[in-house]
Amino acid sequence: MQKYEIRLTLAENVKNFVNAVNKYDFEMDLRAGRHVVDAKSILGIFSLDLSRNITLEIENADQVPQEQIDALLRDIAPFRA
């Protein structure tokens, strides 16, 4: 599993983040404390405490081609904390 800190403070940022991660077909979750939601779910993300950084977790990242991980990281660069 790979983890990255994300900051989503505005509704527009959430929308753009969800659009970016939905391009990829591998599993991603967002974790805020004990709460975990699908990173591709806009409603799930709005259920988290967005006043703090949240953690993007890529499950089975070792099975995802590195090119896809690199592309994802470029797409979400504006949201990385």
Protein backbone atom coordinates (compact mmCIF):
# COMPACT_ATOMS: atom_id res chain seq x y z
CA MET A 1 0.00 0.00 0.00
CA GLN A 2 1.21 3.49 -0.83
CA LYS A 3 0.02 6.53 1.14
CA TYR A 4 -0.03 10.23 0.26
CA GLU A 5 -1.25 13.21 2.26
CA ILE A 6 -4.02 15.17 0.50
CA ARG A 7 -5.57 18.55 1.24
CA LEU A 8 -9.10 19.25 -0.05
CA THR A 9 -10.40 22.49 1.42
CA LEU A 10 -12.81 23.70 -1.26
CA ALA A 11 -15.77 21.99 -2.91
CA GLU A 12 -14.20 22.75 -6.29
CA ASN A 13 -11.03 20.91 -5.16
CA VAL A 14 -13.07 17.85 -4.20
CA LYS A 15 -14.76 17.81 -7.61
CA ASN A 16 -11.45 18.15 -9.45
CA PHE A 17 -9.81 15.49 -7.28
CA VAL A 18 -12.63 13.00 -7.94
CA ASN A 19 -12.42 13.69 -11.68
CA ALA A 20 -8.67 13.05 -11.58
CA VAL A 21 -8.77 9.76 -9.64
CA ASN A 22 -11.69 8.37 -11.65
CA LYS A 23 -9.36 8.12 -14.67
CA TYR A 24 -7.65 5.16 -13.02
CA ASP A 25 -9.08 1.68 -12.61
CA PHE A 26 -7.22 0.65 -9.44
CA GLU A 27 -8.58 0.85 -5.88
CA MET A 28 -7.97 4.01 -3.84
CA ASP A 29 -9.31 5.03 -0.45
CA LEU A 30 -9.21 8.20 1.58
CA ARG A 31 -8.65 7.91 5.32
CA ALA A 32 -9.35 10.55 7.95
CA GLY A 33 -8.70 9.05 11.36
CA ARG A 34 -10.82 5.92 11.62
CA HIS A 35 -13.07 6.87 8.70
CA VAL A 36 -12.31 5.38 5.30
CA VAL A 37 -14.15 6.16 2.06
CA ASP A 38 -13.72 5.34 -1.62
CA ALA A 39 -11.48 8.05 -3.12
CA LYS A 40 -13.69 8.05 -6.23
CA SER A 41 -16.86 8.91 -4.29
CA ILE A 42 -17.65 12.61 -4.07
CA LEU A 43 -20.32 12.01 -1.42
CA GLY A 44 -17.95 9.84 0.59
CA ILE A 45 -15.29 12.54 0.55
CA PHE A 46 -17.75 15.17 1.76
CA SER A 47 -18.50 12.93 4.77
CA LEU A 48 -14.88 13.35 5.95
CA ASP A 49 -13.44 16.17 8.05
CA LEU A 50 -11.85 18.24 5.28
CA SER A 51 -10.44 20.83 7.66
CA ARG A 52 -7.41 18.55 8.09
CA ASN A 53 -5.17 16.62 5.75
CA ILE A 54 -6.49 13.23 4.68
CA THR A 55 -4.55 10.22 3.49
CA LEU A 56 -4.89 8.73 0.02
CA GLU A 57 -4.18 5.00 0.17
CA ILE A 58 -3.53 2.99 -2.97
CA GLU A 59 -4.32 -0.66 -2.31
CA ASN A 60 -2.12 -3.30 -3.96
CA ALA A 61 0.12 -0.56 -5.36
CA ASP A 62 2.77 -3.19 -6.09
CA GLN A 63 0.42 -4.65 -8.73
CA VAL A 64 -0.21 -1.31 -10.44
CA PRO A 65 2.19 -0.32 -13.24
CA GLN A 66 4.53 2.42 -12.05
CA GLU A 67 3.58 4.56 -15.07
CA GLN A 68 -0.02 4.69 -13.80
CA ILE A 69 1.08 5.63 -10.28
CA ASP A 70 3.31 8.38 -11.72
CA ALA A 71 0.45 9.69 -13.87
CA LEU A 72 -1.89 9.70 -10.87
CA LEU A 73 0.64 11.62 -8.78
CA ARG A 74 0.95 14.23 -11.54
CA ASP A 75 -2.84 14.56 -11.74
CA ILE A 76 -3.26 15.01 -8.00
CA ALA A 77 -0.18 17.21 -7.46
CA PRO A 78 -2.32 20.32 -6.75
CA PHE A 79 -4.00 18.48 -3.86
CA ARG A 80 -0.93 16.99 -2.17
CA ALA A 81 -0.22 18.40 1.27
